[in-house]
Amino acid sequence: MAFVKTSCQTEFASLKERTGLPVGQIAKILGVGYRTIYRWQNGDTYPDPHTLKEMSALAGSQFVRESLSHSHLFKFIDLFAGIGGLRRGFEAIGGKCVFTSEWDEACRKTYLSNFDCDHPIAGDITTVDPDVIPEHDVLVAGFPCQPFSIAGVSKKNSLGRPHGFHCDTQGTLFFDVARLIEHHRPKAFLLENVKNLISHDKGNTFKVIMRTLRDELKYNVQFKVIDGRAWVPQHRERIYIVGFRNDVGFSFDNMILPEPMSGPTLRTILHPQDGSEPTEEPYTTGEHARVSPKYTLSDKLWHYLQGYAEKHRAKGNGFGFGLVYPENVARTLSARYYKDGSEILVAQPGMNPRRLTPRECARLMGFDMPGGRSFKIPVSDTQAYKQFGNSVVVPAVEAVARNMLPGILMSKNRSEAKNFTNPHALSV
């Protein structure tokens, strides 16, 4: 889309002035650098329409200054939190986590090592009383996919049994997400799951989820499958389901995604063999040493994997190991990576291939980003592999969250400033 320099410059500069926020705050919220803000303000370059929408939401929101004085724009809860990938994405756009639920002790250890929690972490979400959960604006959850038992509503009625999500999802963990949404009615939610959720049980599972969120809970819901390849050197497709209580004009069509083929290669996340830092986008992890020999596959395991792959090739199957080089992009990292590392084996000249190290897995999932703080890994290698394999691509979550931000701000403005009259505010 083409922009008129004087008009765009005037609009951005005007919106910036109306927010009353310093350059640093605006840069953090928009996820850009200081220089970019100055270029937009001076009209040297031009922000895209979504950025202008974010700025309009900030400018039209009377609670922004007060919220930012407390270092957050909105409150959210983190369900099935794992090691905090969803939390990282929503904190990056100014959110404050006020409740966390995660039942796995090893995940909780990693989570607490990386986040300042001013609240205890709840365990089994199925036993949590909704009334103990603080009020919040956004619910985020990477809920596990479980089988749904679906029966006809008419049959349920004839037997005098309940129907709707209270019945169809009973006994599944999605039910617990639904009951919390029903109880608290957050302004928005983000649910994340594997791509195959759409086709699970011939599509019936996804139909129940959509019917629950749209028809029963009355939310405006959209979903999109996004490949983390745009941000990290890994093909990792996940479905993101976004819901807003009110129609705020949210659309995944407005989300500007990086071109997947222009994403980074494994060279940017691998430990160098010579002990130096990576030559592309170096990480500040403090780990400069050579990779420990313990990550190199034994002769026995390497021979087994080659034989296994050959057996399946002979049958015409695609099963086998994934041998990668620095210029490649990896397959999806799985929670079973600790077993043999077969889906991502790093080639080593003159040697057997090796597994990724846990630190490389942190980079592969976007927990360690260039120039950012190092993600702490306080657990064993086995636990770390499971945790990263079960987690999300952090920059992908942040991109979705950033696309949600104008809607969150507009929803918050609507509920907290009903009597506020601002001729420049966005309507919802």
Protein backbone atom coordinates (compact mmCIF):
# COMPACT_ATOMS: atom_id res chain seq x y z
CA MET A 1 0.00 0.00 0.00
CA ALA A 2 1.34 3.43 -0.94
CA PHE A 3 1.49 6.22 1.61
CA VAL A 4 1.52 9.97 1.15
CA LYS A 5 4.52 11.24 3.03
CA THR A 6 3.10 14.43 4.49
CA SER A 7 -0.22 12.83 5.44
CA CYS A 8 1.34 9.73 7.00
CA GLN A 9 4.01 11.70 8.80
CA THR A 10 1.44 14.11 10.16
CA GLU A 11 -0.85 11.29 11.25
CA PHE A 12 1.82 9.30 13.08
CA ALA A 13 3.33 12.38 14.72
CA SER A 14 -0.14 13.51 15.77
CA LEU A 15 -1.02 10.11 17.21
CA LYS A 16 2.30 9.94 19.05
CA GLU A 17 1.65 13.35 20.61
CA ARG A 18 -1.89 12.36 21.66
CA THR A 19 -0.69 9.21 23.42
CA GLY A 20 1.51 11.32 25.69
CA LEU A 21 3.98 8.43 25.81
CA PRO A 22 7.77 8.68 25.52
CA VAL A 23 9.52 7.19 22.50
CA GLY A 24 10.82 4.26 24.54
CA GLN A 25 7.34 3.19 25.63
CA ILE A 26 5.94 3.43 22.11
CA ALA A 27 8.88 1.48 20.67
CA LYS A 28 8.35 -1.30 23.20
CA ILE A 29 4.61 -1.54 22.56
CA LEU A 30 5.01 -1.56 18.77
CA GLY A 31 7.98 -3.91 18.87
CA VAL A 32 10.32 -1.63 16.89
CA GLY A 33 13.50 0.31 17.58
CA TYR A 34 13.86 3.94 18.65
CA ARG A 35 15.22 4.93 15.25
CA THR A 36 12.16 3.51 13.50
CA ILE A 37 9.89 5.70 15.66
CA TYR A 38 11.93 8.78 14.79
CA ARG A 39 11.87 7.92 11.07
CA TRP A 40 8.09 7.50 11.17
CA GLN A 41 7.72 10.73 13.07
CA ASN A 42 9.88 12.64 10.60
CA GLY A 43 8.28 11.04 7.56
CA ASP A 44 11.48 9.39 6.35
CA THR A 45 9.72 5.99 6.27
CA TYR A 46 6.09 5.01 6.67
CA PRO A 47 4.31 2.76 9.19
CA ASP A 48 1.93 0.13 7.85
CA PRO A 49 -1.85 0.45 8.39
CA HIS A 50 -1.87 -1.98 11.32
CA THR A 51 0.74 0.08 13.17
CA LEU A 52 -1.36 3.19 12.65
CA LYS A 53 -4.35 1.27 14.03
CA GLU A 54 -2.32 0.37 17.13
CA MET A 55 -1.32 4.00 17.57
CA SER A 56 -4.94 5.12 17.15
CA ALA A 57 -6.01 2.68 19.85
CA LEU A 58 -3.30 4.00 22.17
CA ALA A 59 -4.19 7.60 21.44
CA GLY A 60 -7.89 7.00 21.98
CA SER A 61 -7.50 5.24 25.30
CA GLN A 62 -7.70 7.31 28.48
CA PHE A 63 -6.33 4.55 30.68
CA VAL A 64 -3.03 4.12 28.82
CA ARG A 65 -0.92 6.52 30.88
CA GLU A 66 -2.24 5.16 34.16
CA SER A 67 -1.73 1.58 33.03
CA LEU A 68 1.80 2.19 31.87
CA SER A 69 2.65 3.86 35.17
CA HIS A 70 2.15 0.36 36.55
CA SER A 71 4.24 -1.11 33.71
CA HIS A 72 1.37 -2.88 31.96
CA LEU A 73 -1.44 -2.21 29.52
CA PHE A 74 -3.66 -5.14 30.40
CA LYS A 75 -3.87 -8.23 32.60
CA PHE A 76 -3.84 -11.82 31.37
CA ILE A 77 -3.86 -15.35 32.76
CA ASP A 78 -1.55 -18.12 31.54
CA LEU A 79 -3.17 -21.60 31.48
CA PHE A 80 -1.30 -24.83 30.66
CA ALA A 81 1.67 -22.50 30.87
CA GLY A 82 4.47 -24.97 30.22
CA ILE A 83 7.70 -22.98 30.38
CA GLY A 84 6.06 -19.65 29.55
CA GLY A 85 6.18 -19.25 25.79
CA LEU A 86 2.74 -17.66 25.58
CA ARG A 87 3.54 -15.45 28.55
CA ARG A 88 6.70 -14.17 26.84
CA GLY A 89 4.66 -13.15 23.82
CA PHE A 90 2.03 -11.24 25.78
CA GLU A 91 4.46 -9.59 28.17
CA ALA A 92 6.28 -8.25 25.11
CA ILE A 93 3.23 -6.14 24.19
CA GLY A 94 2.68 -4.74 27.66
CA GLY A 95 0.63 -7.44 29.39
CA LYS A 96 0.90 -8.44 33.06
CA CYS A 97 0.38 -12.06 34.03
CA VAL A 98 -1.85 -12.31 37.13
CA PHE A 99 -2.48 -16.07 37.26
CA THR A 100 -0.58 -19.15 36.11
CA SER A 101 -1.57 -22.80 35.92
CA GLU A 102 0.85 -25.65 35.15
CA TRP A 103 0.74 -29.11 36.68
CA ASP A 104 4.19 -30.43 35.63
CA GLU A 105 6.77 -29.81 38.36
CA ALA A 106 9.76 -29.67 36.01
CA CYS A 107 8.00 -27.07 33.84
CA ARG A 108 7.14 -25.06 36.92
CA LYS A 109 10.80 -25.06 37.92
CA THR A 110 11.83 -23.65 34.54
CA TYR A 111 8.95 -21.15 34.56
CA LEU A 112 9.85 -19.79 37.99
CA SER A 113 13.51 -19.52 36.99
CA ASN A 114 12.61 -17.19 34.13
CA PHE A 115 9.67 -15.12 35.38
CA ASP A 116 9.13 -12.94 38.40
CA CYS A 117 5.87 -14.39 39.69
CA ASP A 118 3.97 -12.33 42.25
CA HIS A 119 1.44 -15.17 42.49
CA PRO A 120 1.73 -18.90 43.21
CA ILE A 121 1.49 -21.30 40.27
CA ALA A 122 -1.70 -23.35 40.41
CA GLY A 123 -1.41 -27.03 39.62
CA ASP A 124 -4.21 -29.10 38.12
CA ILE A 125 -6.55 -26.65 36.36
CA THR A 126 -9.44 -29.10 36.70
CA THR A 127 -9.46 -28.50 40.46
CA VAL A 128 -9.12 -24.70 40.37
CA ASP A 129 -12.08 -22.72 41.67
CA PRO A 130 -12.80 -19.98 39.07
CA ASP A 131 -13.46 -17.49 41.89
CA VAL A 132 -9.82 -17.63 43.02
CA ILE A 133 -8.61 -16.47 39.61
CA PRO A 134 -8.12 -12.67 39.53
CA GLU A 135 -10.01 -10.53 37.06
CA HIS A 136 -8.21 -10.33 33.76
CA ASP A 137 -8.56 -8.90 30.27
CA VAL A 138 -7.10 -11.77 28.26
CA LEU A 139 -6.96 -15.55 28.72
CA VAL A 140 -4.15 -17.44 27.00
CA ALA A 141 -3.89 -21.22 26.92
CA GLY A 142 -1.93 -23.84 25.04
CA PHE A 143 -4.41 -26.54 25.98
CA PRO A 144 -3.68 -30.22 25.20
CA CYS A 145 -5.83 -31.90 22.58
CA GLN A 146 -7.96 -34.74 23.96
CA PRO A 147 -10.66 -36.86 22.33
CA PHE A 148 -14.15 -35.39 22.39
CA SER A 149 -17.13 -37.64 22.76
CA ILE A 150 -19.87 -36.06 20.62
CA ALA A 151 -23.51 -37.08 20.85
CA GLY A 152 -26.59 -35.60 19.28
CA VAL A 153 -28.35 -32.84 21.20
CA SER A 154 -31.77 -34.38 20.52
CA LYS A 155 -30.74 -37.65 22.11
CA LYS A 156 -29.36 -35.81 25.10
CA ASN A 157 -32.61 -33.93 25.47
CA SER A 158 -34.67 -37.12 25.31
CA LEU A 159 -32.61 -38.58 28.12
CA GLY A 160 -32.79 -35.39 30.16
CA ARG A 161 -29.05 -34.90 29.96
CA PRO A 162 -27.25 -31.58 29.52
CA HIS A 163 -25.93 -30.64 26.12
CA GLY A 164 -23.71 -27.90 24.75
CA PHE A 165 -20.09 -27.65 25.82
CA HIS A 166 -20.95 -28.74 29.37
CA CYS A 167 -21.67 -32.13 27.86
CA ASP A 168 -19.66 -32.41 24.64
CA THR A 169 -16.38 -31.40 26.23
CA GLN A 170 -16.88 -32.87 29.69
CA GLY A 171 -13.78 -34.71 30.76
CA THR A 172 -11.51 -32.85 28.33
CA LEU A 173 -9.13 -30.06 29.25
CA PHE A 174 -10.79 -27.75 26.75
CA PHE A 175 -13.84 -27.90 29.00
CA ASP A 176 -11.82 -26.24 31.76
CA VAL A 177 -10.80 -23.44 29.40
CA ALA A 178 -14.44 -23.00 28.36
CA ARG A 179 -15.75 -22.91 31.93
CA LEU A 180 -13.24 -20.19 32.87
CA ILE A 181 -14.16 -18.14 29.81
CA GLU A 182 -17.83 -18.55 30.73
CA HIS A 183 -17.20 -17.53 34.33
CA HIS A 184 -14.90 -14.53 33.79
CA ARG A 185 -15.96 -13.36 30.32
CA PRO A 186 -12.49 -11.96 29.45
CA LYS A 187 -12.31 -9.33 26.75
CA ALA A 188 -10.22 -11.66 24.59
CA PHE A 189 -8.51 -15.03 24.50
CA LEU A 190 -5.79 -16.81 22.57
CA LEU A 191 -5.77 -20.60 22.35
CA GLU A 192 -2.87 -22.46 20.76
CA ASN A 193 -2.68 -26.06 19.62
CA VAL A 194 -1.20 -28.40 17.04
CA LYS A 195 -2.21 -27.98 13.41
CA ASN A 196 -3.89 -31.39 13.41
CA LEU A 197 -6.52 -30.13 15.84
CA ILE A 198 -8.47 -29.10 12.74
CA SER A 199 -8.62 -32.65 11.38
CA HIS A 200 -8.75 -34.53 14.69
CA ASP A 201 -11.56 -37.10 14.82
CA LYS A 202 -12.52 -36.25 11.21
CA GLY A 203 -12.97 -32.60 12.13
CA ASN A 204 -15.49 -33.25 14.90
CA THR A 205 -13.21 -32.03 17.68
CA PHE A 206 -12.67 -28.67 16.01
CA LYS A 207 -16.39 -28.32 15.26
CA VAL A 208 -17.18 -28.70 18.97
CA ILE A 209 -14.51 -26.16 19.90
CA MET A 210 -15.78 -23.60 17.39
CA ARG A 211 -19.42 -24.20 18.36
CA THR A 212 -18.54 -23.79 22.00
CA LEU A 213 -16.61 -20.54 21.52
CA ARG A 214 -18.90 -18.93 18.94
CA ASP A 215 -22.39 -20.24 19.58
CA GLU A 216 -22.37 -21.06 23.28
CA LEU A 217 -19.97 -18.48 24.67
CA LYS A 218 -20.84 -15.86 22.03
CA TYR A 219 -17.33 -14.73 21.13
CA ASN A 220 -16.13 -13.38 17.80
CA VAL A 221 -13.64 -16.07 16.85
CA GLN A 222 -11.02 -16.46 14.13
CA PHE A 223 -8.24 -18.97 13.66
CA LYS A 224 -5.14 -19.34 11.55
CA VAL A 225 -2.39 -21.92 11.08
CA ILE A 226 0.98 -20.18 11.26
CA ASP A 227 4.40 -21.67 10.53
CA GLY A 228 7.16 -20.59 12.91
CA ARG A 229 9.55 -20.86 9.96
CA ALA A 230 9.14 -17.13 9.40
CA TRP A 231 11.01 -16.37 12.64
CA VAL A 232 13.11 -19.44 13.49
CA PRO A 233 14.90 -22.11 11.42
CA GLN A 234 12.24 -24.74 12.05
CA HIS A 235 9.04 -25.79 10.31
CA ARG A 236 6.50 -25.69 13.12
CA GLU A 237 2.87 -25.19 12.15
CA ARG A 238 0.47 -24.38 14.96
CA ILE A 239 -3.13 -23.22 15.05
CA TYR A 240 -3.91 -19.96 16.85
CA ILE A 241 -7.53 -19.35 17.84
CA VAL A 242 -8.36 -15.74 18.79
CA GLY A 243 -11.65 -14.64 20.31
CA PHE A 244 -12.99 -11.22 21.30
CA ARG A 245 -16.07 -10.70 23.44
CA ASN A 246 -17.02 -7.67 21.32
CA ASP A 247 -16.52 -7.11 17.62
CA VAL A 248 -13.36 -5.00 17.50
CA GLY A 249 -12.56 -5.65 13.86
CA PHE A 250 -9.84 -8.19 14.58
CA SER A 251 -8.76 -10.19 11.56
CA PHE A 252 -5.81 -12.44 10.83
CA ASP A 253 -5.96 -10.94 7.34
CA ASN A 254 -4.45 -7.76 8.85
CA MET A 255 -1.51 -9.66 10.30
CA ILE A 256 1.70 -8.91 8.45
CA LEU A 257 3.81 -12.07 8.50
CA PRO A 258 7.46 -12.24 7.50
CA GLU A 259 8.10 -14.20 4.34
CA PRO A 260 8.81 -17.79 5.52
CA MET A 261 11.47 -18.42 2.89
CA SER A 262 13.41 -15.37 4.10
CA GLY A 263 13.61 -16.72 7.64
CA PRO A 264 16.88 -17.66 9.35
CA THR A 265 18.84 -20.88 8.85
CA LEU A 266 20.22 -23.22 11.47
CA ARG A 267 23.56 -21.43 11.29
CA THR A 268 22.03 -18.67 13.43
CA ILE A 269 21.28 -21.00 16.34
CA LEU A 270 24.01 -23.65 16.25
CA HIS A 271 27.05 -23.64 18.49
CA PRO A 272 30.08 -23.06 16.27
CA GLN A 273 32.55 -25.91 15.99
CA ASP A 274 35.57 -23.66 16.50
CA GLY A 275 34.38 -22.22 19.80
CA SER A 276 33.56 -18.78 18.39
CA GLU A 277 30.15 -17.13 18.31
CA PRO A 278 27.84 -17.73 15.31
CA THR A 279 28.70 -15.50 12.37
CA GLU A 280 25.02 -14.58 11.72
CA GLU A 281 23.08 -12.73 14.40
CA PRO A 282 25.20 -13.82 17.39
CA TYR A 283 23.48 -14.69 20.65
CA THR A 284 24.55 -13.32 24.01
CA THR A 285 24.30 -16.57 25.93
CA GLY A 286 27.79 -16.72 27.34
CA GLU A 287 28.21 -20.23 25.91
CA HIS A 288 31.30 -20.08 23.72
CA ALA A 289 32.74 -23.55 24.26
CA ARG A 290 32.67 -26.41 21.80
CA VAL A 291 29.68 -28.75 21.93
CA SER A 292 30.17 -31.52 24.47
CA PRO A 293 30.90 -34.97 22.97
CA LYS A 294 27.92 -36.34 24.93
CA TYR A 295 25.57 -34.92 22.27
CA THR A 296 27.24 -36.95 19.49
CA LEU A 297 25.35 -40.16 18.66
CA SER A 298 27.00 -43.44 19.61
CA ASP A 299 27.96 -45.84 16.83
CA LYS A 300 25.21 -48.21 17.99
CA LEU A 301 22.44 -45.58 17.86
CA TRP A 302 23.66 -44.11 14.57
CA HIS A 303 23.76 -47.54 12.91
CA TYR A 304 20.29 -48.32 14.25
CA LEU A 305 18.80 -45.08 12.89
CA GLN A 306 20.37 -45.63 9.46
CA GLY A 307 19.05 -49.18 9.34
CA TYR A 308 15.59 -48.08 10.48
CA ALA A 309 15.46 -45.39 7.79
CA GLU A 310 16.62 -47.81 5.09
CA LYS A 311 13.98 -50.38 6.07
CA HIS A 312 11.20 -47.82 5.71
CA ARG A 313 12.61 -46.41 2.46
CA ALA A 314 12.44 -49.91 1.01
CA LYS A 315 8.74 -50.01 1.94
CA GLY A 316 8.14 -46.63 0.36
CA ASN A 317 7.62 -44.87 3.68
CA GLY A 318 9.05 -41.52 4.62
CA PHE A 319 10.10 -42.46 8.11
CA GLY A 320 13.70 -41.79 9.06
CA PHE A 321 16.09 -39.34 10.60
CA GLY A 322 16.50 -35.70 9.61
CA LEU A 323 20.14 -34.86 8.94
CA VAL A 324 20.69 -31.09 8.81
CA TYR A 325 23.47 -28.68 7.97
CA PRO A 326 23.95 -25.03 9.00
CA GLU A 327 22.30 -23.76 5.80
CA ASN A 328 19.16 -25.90 6.37
CA VAL A 329 15.88 -25.49 8.20
CA ALA A 330 14.90 -28.18 10.71
CA ARG A 331 11.85 -30.36 11.03
CA THR A 332 9.50 -29.80 13.94
CA LEU A 333 11.16 -30.33 17.32
CA SER A 334 9.09 -32.83 19.31
CA ALA A 335 8.81 -33.72 22.99
CA ARG A 336 10.32 -37.14 22.21
CA TYR A 337 13.58 -35.56 21.03
CA TYR A 338 15.34 -36.79 24.16
CA LYS A 339 14.96 -40.41 23.00
CA ASP A 340 17.24 -40.38 19.96
CA GLY A 341 17.12 -36.89 18.46
CA SER A 342 16.26 -38.45 15.11
CA GLU A 343 14.11 -35.62 13.72
CA ILE A 344 16.96 -33.09 13.92
CA LEU A 345 20.50 -34.49 13.71
CA VAL A 346 23.31 -32.01 13.11
CA ALA A 347 25.91 -33.24 10.64
CA GLN A 348 29.51 -33.27 11.86
CA PRO A 349 32.29 -33.72 9.27
CA GLY A 350 34.17 -36.96 9.87
CA MET A 351 31.99 -37.86 12.86
CA ASN A 352 28.60 -39.25 13.72
CA PRO A 353 25.91 -36.56 13.80
CA ARG A 354 24.81 -35.02 17.07
CA ARG A 355 21.67 -33.86 18.81
CA LEU A 356 20.93 -30.21 19.33
CA THR A 357 21.94 -29.01 22.78
CA PRO A 358 19.20 -27.69 25.08
CA ARG A 359 20.60 -24.18 24.51
CA GLU A 360 20.22 -24.61 20.76
CA CYS A 361 16.65 -25.82 21.34
CA ALA A 362 15.96 -22.64 23.31
CA ARG A 363 17.20 -20.64 20.32
CA LEU A 364 15.27 -22.83 17.87
CA MET A 365 12.02 -22.02 19.71
CA GLY A 366 12.77 -18.32 20.00
CA PHE A 367 13.26 -18.27 23.78
CA ASP A 368 16.78 -16.98 23.22
CA MET A 369 16.73 -14.19 20.66
CA PRO A 370 19.70 -12.20 19.32
CA GLY A 371 20.65 -9.51 21.80
CA GLY A 372 18.11 -10.70 24.36
CA ARG A 373 18.52 -12.19 27.79
CA SER A 374 19.51 -15.81 28.04
CA PHE A 375 16.69 -18.20 28.93
CA LYS A 376 17.55 -20.17 32.05
CA ILE A 377 17.48 -23.96 31.78
CA PRO A 378 17.51 -25.32 35.36
CA VAL A 379 16.48 -28.89 34.50
CA SER A 380 18.13 -31.99 33.05
CA ASP A 381 18.69 -32.35 29.32
CA THR A 382 15.87 -34.89 29.13
CA GLN A 383 13.40 -32.53 30.77
CA ALA A 384 14.63 -29.58 28.70
CA TYR A 385 14.08 -31.47 25.44
CA LYS A 386 10.54 -32.37 26.53
CA GLN A 387 9.80 -28.78 27.55
CA PHE A 388 11.04 -27.11 24.39
CA GLY A 389 9.45 -29.80 22.22
CA ASN A 390 6.08 -29.11 23.83
CA SER A 391 6.39 -25.34 23.69
CA VAL A 392 5.58 -22.55 21.24
CA VAL A 393 7.67 -20.41 18.89
CA VAL A 394 7.85 -17.28 21.01
CA PRO A 395 8.18 -14.67 18.23
CA ALA A 396 5.17 -16.21 16.44
CA VAL A 397 3.09 -15.80 19.61
CA GLU A 398 4.32 -12.24 19.99
CA ALA A 399 3.28 -11.49 16.40
CA VAL A 400 -0.24 -12.80 17.05
CA ALA A 401 -0.43 -10.92 20.36
CA ARG A 402 0.72 -7.71 18.70
CA ASN A 403 -2.03 -8.11 16.11
CA MET A 404 -4.53 -8.50 18.96
CA LEU A 405 -3.32 -5.43 20.86
CA PRO A 406 -5.50 -2.77 19.18
CA GLY A 407 -8.58 -4.90 19.89
CA ILE A 408 -7.52 -5.44 23.50
CA LEU A 409 -6.99 -1.71 23.98
CA MET A 410 -10.30 -0.85 22.35
CA SER A 411 -12.13 -3.44 24.48
CA LYS A 412 -10.49 -2.14 27.63
CA ASN A 413 -11.25 1.44 26.69
CA ARG A 414 -14.89 0.53 26.09
CA SER A 415 -15.36 -1.16 29.45
CA GLU A 416 -13.32 1.24 31.58
CA ALA A 417 -14.24 4.54 29.99
CA LYS A 418 -17.93 4.26 29.10
CA ASN A 419 -18.59 7.87 30.00
CA PHE A 420 -15.43 9.22 28.46
CA THR A 421 -15.98 11.37 25.37
CA ASN A 422 -13.08 11.55 22.96
CA PRO A 423 -13.81 12.58 19.37
CA HIS A 424 -10.60 10.87 18.24
CA ALA A 425 -11.19 7.52 19.97
CA LEU A 426 -11.81 4.41 17.91
CA SER A 427 -15.35 3.11 18.20
CA VAL A 428 -16.06 -0.53 19.10
